[in-house]
Amino acid sequence: EMLIAEATHMLEIAARPPRVDKVYY
């Protein structure tokens, strides 16, 4: 249930315009 709830939440966030860049070194 927690994983499914997180997935649903993350897809809602993904639908919004990005706020920050992720930088990997």
PDB file of all heavy atoms in Angstrom:
ATOM      1  N   GLU A   1       0.816  -1.220   0.000  1.00  0.00           N
ATOM      2  CA  GLU A   1       0.000   0.000   0.000  1.00  0.00           C
ATOM      3  C   GLU A   1       0.846   1.265   0.000  1.00  0.00           C
ATOM      4  O   GLU A   1       0.538   2.232  -0.687  1.00  0.00           O
ATOM      5  CB  GLU A   1      -0.970  -0.020   1.173  1.00  0.00           C
ATOM      6  CG  GLU A   1      -2.044  -1.076   1.004  1.00  0.00           C
ATOM      7  CD  GLU A   1      -2.966  -1.176   2.206  1.00  0.00           C
ATOM      8  OE1 GLU A   1      -2.976  -0.255   3.041  1.00  0.00           O
ATOM      9  OE2 GLU A   1      -3.681  -2.195   2.293  1.00  0.00           O
ATOM     10  N   MET A   2       1.942   1.260   0.767  1.00  0.00           N
ATOM     11  CA  MET A   2       2.780   2.454   0.828  1.00  0.00           C
ATOM     12  C   MET A   2       3.474   2.695  -0.514  1.00  0.00           C
ATOM     13  O   MET A   2       3.551   3.832  -0.984  1.00  0.00           O
ATOM     14  CB  MET A   2       3.824   2.318   1.932  1.00  0.00           C
ATOM     15  CG  MET A   2       4.633   3.582   2.129  1.00  0.00           C
ATOM     16  SD  MET A   2       5.870   3.460   3.430  1.00  0.00           S
ATOM     17  CE  MET A   2       4.832   3.409   4.862  1.00  0.00           C
ATOM     18  N   LEU A   3       3.935   1.640  -1.157  1.00  0.00           N
ATOM     19  CA  LEU A   3       4.592   1.769  -2.458  1.00  0.00           C
ATOM     20  C   LEU A   3       3.605   2.279  -3.504  1.00  0.00           C
ATOM     21  O   LEU A   3       3.934   3.162  -4.297  1.00  0.00           O
ATOM     22  CB  LEU A   3       5.180   0.426  -2.891  1.00  0.00           C
ATOM     23  CG  LEU A   3       5.845   0.380  -4.262  1.00  0.00           C
ATOM     24  CD1 LEU A   3       7.049   1.336  -4.318  1.00  0.00           C
ATOM     25  CD2 LEU A   3       6.276  -1.033  -4.588  1.00  0.00           C
ATOM     26  N   ILE A   4       2.407   1.758  -3.499  1.00  0.00           N
ATOM     27  CA  ILE A   4       1.386   2.182  -4.470  1.00  0.00           C
ATOM     28  C   ILE A   4       0.996   3.638  -4.233  1.00  0.00           C
ATOM     29  O   ILE A   4       0.857   4.417  -5.178  1.00  0.00           O
ATOM     30  CB  ILE A   4       0.161   1.241  -4.415  1.00  0.00           C
ATOM     31  CG1 ILE A   4       0.584  -0.163  -4.870  1.00  0.00           C
ATOM     32  CG2 ILE A   4      -0.986   1.786  -5.262  1.00  0.00           C
ATOM     33  CD1 ILE A   4      -0.404  -1.254  -4.522  1.00  0.00           C
ATOM     34  N   ALA A   5       0.867   4.019  -2.964  1.00  0.00           N
ATOM     35  CA  ALA A   5       0.546   5.416  -2.640  1.00  0.00           C
ATOM     36  C   ALA A   5       1.671   6.342  -3.087  1.00  0.00           C
ATOM     37  O   ALA A   5       1.420   7.423  -3.639  1.00  0.00           O
ATOM     38  CB  ALA A   5       0.286   5.563  -1.141  1.00  0.00           C
ATOM     39  N   GLU A   6       2.914   5.924  -2.862  1.00  0.00           N
ATOM     40  CA  GLU A   6       4.045   6.738  -3.287  1.00  0.00           C
ATOM     41  C   GLU A   6       4.074   6.858  -4.810  1.00  0.00           C
ATOM     42  O   GLU A   6       4.327   7.936  -5.358  1.00  0.00           O
ATOM     43  CB  GLU A   6       5.360   6.148  -2.792  1.00  0.00           C
ATOM     44  CG  GLU A   6       6.558   6.985  -3.187  1.00  0.00           C
ATOM     45  CD  GLU A   6       7.878   6.429  -2.675  1.00  0.00           C
ATOM     46  OE1 GLU A   6       7.911   5.318  -2.126  1.00  0.00           O
ATOM     47  OE2 GLU A   6       8.881   7.125  -2.849  1.00  0.00           O
ATOM     48  N   ALA A   7       3.810   5.773  -5.513  1.00  0.00           N
ATOM     49  CA  ALA A   7       3.800   5.798  -6.976  1.00  0.00           C
ATOM     50  C   ALA A   7       2.747   6.769  -7.487  1.00  0.00           C
ATOM     51  O   ALA A   7       3.012   7.567  -8.403  1.00  0.00           O
ATOM     52  CB  ALA A   7       3.554   4.397  -7.527  1.00  0.00           C
ATOM     53  N   THR A   8       1.566   6.721  -6.898  1.00  0.00           N
ATOM     54  CA  THR A   8       0.490   7.629  -7.303  1.00  0.00           C
ATOM     55  C   THR A   8       0.901   9.074  -7.071  1.00  0.00           C
ATOM     56  O   THR A   8       0.723   9.940  -7.931  1.00  0.00           O
ATOM     57  CB  THR A   8      -0.799   7.296  -6.520  1.00  0.00           C
ATOM     58  OG1 THR A   8      -1.136   5.925  -6.765  1.00  0.00           O
ATOM     59  CG2 THR A   8      -1.948   8.187  -6.945  1.00  0.00           C
ATOM     60  N   HIS A   9       1.487   9.325  -5.906  1.00  0.00           N
ATOM     61  CA  HIS A   9       1.941  10.680  -5.563  1.00  0.00           C
ATOM     62  C   HIS A   9       3.043  11.157  -6.522  1.00  0.00           C
ATOM     63  O   HIS A   9       3.014  12.294  -6.992  1.00  0.00           O
ATOM     64  CB  HIS A   9       2.431  10.706  -4.113  1.00  0.00           C
ATOM     65  CG  HIS A   9       2.974  12.024  -3.689  1.00  0.00           C
ATOM     66  ND1 HIS A   9       2.172  13.132  -3.506  1.00  0.00           N
ATOM     67  CD2 HIS A   9       4.240  12.419  -3.435  1.00  0.00           C
ATOM     68  CE1 HIS A   9       2.936  14.152  -3.152  1.00  0.00           C
ATOM     69  NE2 HIS A   9       4.194  13.749  -3.099  1.00  0.00           N
ATOM     70  N   MET A  10       3.995  10.294  -6.810  1.00  0.00           N
ATOM     71  CA  MET A  10       5.096  10.673  -7.696  1.00  0.00           C
ATOM     72  C   MET A  10       4.608  10.969  -9.114  1.00  0.00           C
ATOM     73  O   MET A  10       5.146  11.849  -9.786  1.00  0.00           O
ATOM     74  CB  MET A  10       6.176   9.588  -7.706  1.00  0.00           C
ATOM     75  CG  MET A  10       6.877   9.412  -6.377  1.00  0.00           C
ATOM     76  SD  MET A  10       7.596  10.923  -5.707  1.00  0.00           S
ATOM     77  CE  MET A  10       8.991  11.131  -6.788  1.00  0.00           C
ATOM     78  N   LEU A  11       3.589  10.251  -9.572  1.00  0.00           N
ATOM     79  CA  LEU A  11       3.030  10.542 -10.895  1.00  0.00           C
ATOM     80  C   LEU A  11       2.299  11.881 -10.901  1.00  0.00           C
ATOM     81  O   LEU A  11       2.313  12.598 -11.903  1.00  0.00           O
ATOM     82  CB  LEU A  11       2.111   9.407 -11.347  1.00  0.00           C
ATOM     83  CG  LEU A  11       2.841   8.125 -11.724  1.00  0.00           C
ATOM     84  CD1 LEU A  11       1.842   7.006 -12.001  1.00  0.00           C
ATOM     85  CD2 LEU A  11       3.765   8.340 -12.914  1.00  0.00           C
ATOM     86  N   GLU A  12       1.669  12.226  -9.780  1.00  0.00           N
ATOM     87  CA  GLU A  12       1.041  13.549  -9.673  1.00  0.00           C
ATOM     88  C   GLU A  12       2.111  14.640  -9.746  1.00  0.00           C
ATOM     89  O   GLU A  12       1.927  15.658 -10.420  1.00  0.00           O
ATOM     90  CB  GLU A  12       0.255  13.663  -8.371  1.00  0.00           C
ATOM     91  CG  GLU A  12      -0.990  12.807  -8.341  1.00  0.00           C
ATOM     92  CD  GLU A  12      -1.623  12.725  -6.955  1.00  0.00           C
ATOM     93  OE1 GLU A  12      -1.115  13.365  -6.005  1.00  0.00           O
ATOM     94  OE2 GLU A  12      -2.629  12.011  -6.823  1.00  0.00           O
ATOM     95  N   ILE A  13       3.233  14.423  -9.058  1.00  0.00           N
ATOM     96  CA  ILE A  13       4.337  15.388  -9.088  1.00  0.00           C
ATOM     97  C   ILE A  13       4.919  15.484 -10.501  1.00  0.00           C
ATOM     98  O   ILE A  13       5.222  16.572 -10.983  1.00  0.00           O
ATOM     99  CB  ILE A  13       5.432  14.991  -8.074  1.00  0.00           C
ATOM    100  CG1 ILE A  13       4.917  15.198  -6.654  1.00  0.00           C
ATOM    101  CG2 ILE A  13       6.705  15.790  -8.309  1.00  0.00           C
ATOM    102  CD1 ILE A  13       5.848  14.679  -5.582  1.00  0.00           C
ATOM    103  N   ALA A  14       5.053  14.338 -11.176  1.00  0.00           N
ATOM    104  CA  ALA A  14       5.632  14.316 -12.529  1.00  0.00           C
ATOM    105  C   ALA A  14       4.781  15.097 -13.525  1.00  0.00           C
ATOM    106  O   ALA A  14       5.298  15.578 -14.532  1.00  0.00           O
ATOM    107  CB  ALA A  14       5.810  12.875 -12.994  1.00  0.00           C
ATOM    108  N   ALA A  15       3.492  15.229 -13.237  1.00  0.00           N
ATOM    109  CA  ALA A  15       2.601  15.954 -14.138  1.00  0.00           C
ATOM    110  C   ALA A  15       2.788  17.473 -14.034  1.00  0.00           C
ATOM    111  O   ALA A  15       2.373  18.213 -14.920  1.00  0.00           O
ATOM    112  CB  ALA A  15       1.152  15.587 -13.843  1.00  0.00           C
ATOM    113  N   ARG A  16       3.438  17.924 -12.956  1.00  0.00           N
ATOM    114  CA  ARG A  16       3.689  19.352 -12.765  1.00  0.00           C
ATOM    115  C   ARG A  16       4.976  19.752 -13.488  1.00  0.00           C
ATOM    116  O   ARG A  16       5.839  18.923 -13.733  1.00  0.00           O
ATOM    117  CB  ARG A  16       3.856  19.668 -11.277  1.00  0.00           C
ATOM    118  CG  ARG A  16       2.680  19.299 -10.440  1.00  0.00           C
ATOM    119  CD  ARG A  16       2.981  19.602  -8.988  1.00  0.00           C
ATOM    120  NE  ARG A  16       2.097  18.835  -8.118  1.00  0.00           N
ATOM    121  CZ  ARG A  16       2.375  18.508  -6.887  1.00  0.00           C
ATOM    122  NH1 ARG A  16       3.519  18.863  -6.334  1.00  0.00           N
ATOM    123  NH2 ARG A  16       1.514  17.813  -6.170  1.00  0.00           N
ATOM    124  N   PRO A  17       5.127  21.040 -13.773  1.00  0.00           N
ATOM    125  CA  PRO A  17       6.389  21.491 -14.375  1.00  0.00           C
ATOM    126  C   PRO A  17       7.552  21.241 -13.410  1.00  0.00           C
ATOM    127  O   PRO A  17       7.389  21.407 -12.197  1.00  0.00           O
ATOM    128  CB  PRO A  17       6.179  23.000 -14.587  1.00  0.00           C
ATOM    129  CG  PRO A  17       4.715  23.225 -14.481  1.00  0.00           C
ATOM    130  CD  PRO A  17       4.152  22.119 -13.639  1.00  0.00           C
ATOM    131  N   PRO A  18       8.705  20.843 -13.923  1.00  0.00           N
ATOM    132  CA  PRO A  18       9.839  20.585 -13.038  1.00  0.00           C
ATOM    133  C   PRO A  18      10.303  21.861 -12.343  1.00  0.00           C
ATOM    134  O   PRO A  18      10.303  22.928 -12.939  1.00  0.00           O
ATOM    135  CB  PRO A  18      10.920  20.049 -13.961  1.00  0.00           C
ATOM    136  CG  PRO A  18      10.490  20.375 -15.336  1.00  0.00           C
ATOM    137  CD  PRO A  18       9.019  20.603 -15.313  1.00  0.00           C
ATOM    138  N   ARG A  19      10.675  21.730 -11.060  1.00  0.00           N
ATOM    139  CA  ARG A  19      11.135  22.888 -10.285  1.00  0.00           C
ATOM    140  C   ARG A  19      12.649  22.954 -10.172  1.00  0.00           C
ATOM    141  O   ARG A  19      13.209  24.028 -10.046  1.00  0.00           O
ATOM    142  CB  ARG A  19      10.556  22.832  -8.871  1.00  0.00           C
ATOM    143  CG  ARG A  19       9.068  23.008  -8.830  1.00  0.00           C
ATOM    144  CD  ARG A  19       8.550  23.004  -7.424  1.00  0.00           C
ATOM    145  NE  ARG A  19       9.650  23.073  -6.470  1.00  0.00           N
ATOM    146  CZ  ARG A  19       9.535  22.912  -5.174  1.00  0.00           C
ATOM    147  NH1 ARG A  19       8.379  22.662  -4.658  1.00  0.00           N
ATOM    148  NH2 ARG A  19      10.574  22.984  -4.380  1.00  0.00           N
ATOM    149  N   VAL A  20      13.282  21.818 -10.143  1.00  0.00           N
ATOM    150  CA  VAL A  20      14.735  21.808  -9.969  1.00  0.00           C
ATOM    151  C   VAL A  20      15.354  20.787 -10.916  1.00  0.00           C
ATOM    152  O   VAL A  20      14.705  19.852 -11.346  1.00  0.00           O
ATOM    153  CB  VAL A  20      15.149  21.463  -8.515  1.00  0.00           C
ATOM    154  CG1 VAL A  20      14.699  22.538  -7.555  1.00  0.00           C
ATOM    155  CG2 VAL A  20      14.615  20.116  -8.095  1.00  0.00           C
ATOM    156  N   ASP A  21      16.612  20.999 -11.223  1.00  0.00           N
ATOM    157  CA  ASP A  21      17.372  20.026 -12.000  1.00  0.00           C
ATOM    158  C   ASP A  21      18.072  19.084 -11.034  1.00  0.00           C
ATOM    159  O   ASP A  21      18.437  19.479  -9.928  1.00  0.00           O
ATOM    160  CB  ASP A  21      18.441  20.716 -12.844  1.00  0.00           C
ATOM    161  CG  ASP A  21      17.853  21.605 -13.923  1.00  0.00           C
ATOM    162  OD1 ASP A  21      16.681  21.424 -14.261  1.00  0.00           O
ATOM    163  OD2 ASP A  21      18.582  22.480 -14.414  1.00  0.00           O
ATOM    164  N   LYS A  22      18.272  17.854 -11.440  1.00  0.00           N
ATOM    165  CA  LYS A  22      19.091  16.923 -10.668  1.00  0.00           C
ATOM    166  C   LYS A  22      20.433  16.846 -11.358  1.00  0.00           C
ATOM    167  O   LYS A  22      20.508  16.662 -12.565  1.00  0.00           O
ATOM    168  CB  LYS A  22      18.471  15.535 -10.603  1.00  0.00           C
ATOM    169  CG  LYS A  22      17.421  15.422  -9.543  1.00  0.00           C
ATOM    170  CD  LYS A  22      17.209  13.978  -9.152  1.00  0.00           C
ATOM    171  CE  LYS A  22      16.220  13.938  -8.024  1.00  0.00           C
ATOM    172  NZ  LYS A  22      15.971  12.623  -7.539  1.00  0.00           N
ATOM    173  N   VAL A  23      21.489  16.991 -10.584  1.00  0.00           N
ATOM    174  CA  VAL A  23      22.839  16.969 -11.124  1.00  0.00           C
ATOM    175  C   VAL A  23      23.564  15.774 -10.508  1.00  0.00           C
ATOM    176  O   VAL A  23      23.569  15.600  -9.303  1.00  0.00           O
ATOM    177  CB  VAL A  23      23.592  18.279 -10.795  1.00  0.00           C
ATOM    178  CG1 VAL A  23      25.011  18.235 -11.343  1.00  0.00           C
ATOM    179  CG2 VAL A  23      22.833  19.474 -11.349  1.00  0.00           C
ATOM    180  N   TYR A  24      24.161  14.961 -11.373  1.00  0.00           N
ATOM    181  CA  TYR A  24      24.908  13.790 -10.944  1.00  0.00           C
ATOM    182  C   TYR A  24      26.367  13.960 -11.354  1.00  0.00           C
ATOM    183  O   TYR A  24      26.649  14.356 -12.486  1.00  0.00           O
ATOM    184  CB  TYR A  24      24.359  12.516 -11.607  1.00  0.00           C
ATOM    185  CG  TYR A  24      22.957  12.171 -11.187  1.00  0.00           C
ATOM    186  CD1 TYR A  24      21.871  12.661 -11.910  1.00  0.00           C
ATOM    187  CD2 TYR A  24      22.730  11.369 -10.083  1.00  0.00           C
ATOM    188  CE1 TYR A  24      20.578  12.342 -11.517  1.00  0.00           C
ATOM    189  CE2 TYR A  24      21.435  11.061  -9.697  1.00  0.00           C
ATOM    190  CZ  TYR A  24      20.368  11.543 -10.413  1.00  0.00           C
ATOM    191  OH  TYR A  24      19.091  11.242 -10.038  1.00  0.00           O
ATOM    192  N   TYR A  25      27.255  13.694 -10.422  1.00  0.00           N
ATOM    193  CA  TYR A  25      28.697  13.711 -10.707  1.00  0.00           C
ATOM    194  C   TYR A  25      29.258  12.309 -10.593  1.00  0.00           C
ATOM    195  O   TYR A  25      28.894  11.572  -9.677  1.00  0.00           O
ATOM    196  CB  TYR A  25      29.450  14.594  -9.703  1.00  0.00           C
ATOM    197  CG  TYR A  25      29.316  16.067  -9.956  1.00  0.00           C
ATOM    198  CD1 TYR A  25      28.297  16.818  -9.383  1.00  0.00           C
ATOM    199  CD2 TYR A  25      30.227  16.725 -10.765  1.00  0.00           C
ATOM    200  CE1 TYR A  25      28.191  18.162  -9.609  1.00  0.00           C
ATOM    201  CE2 TYR A  25      30.131  18.091 -10.993  1.00  0.00           C
ATOM    202  CZ  TYR A  25      29.101  18.806 -10.413  1.00  0.00           C
ATOM    203  OH  TYR A  25      29.004  20.147 -10.643  1.00  0.00           O
TER     204      TYR A  25
END
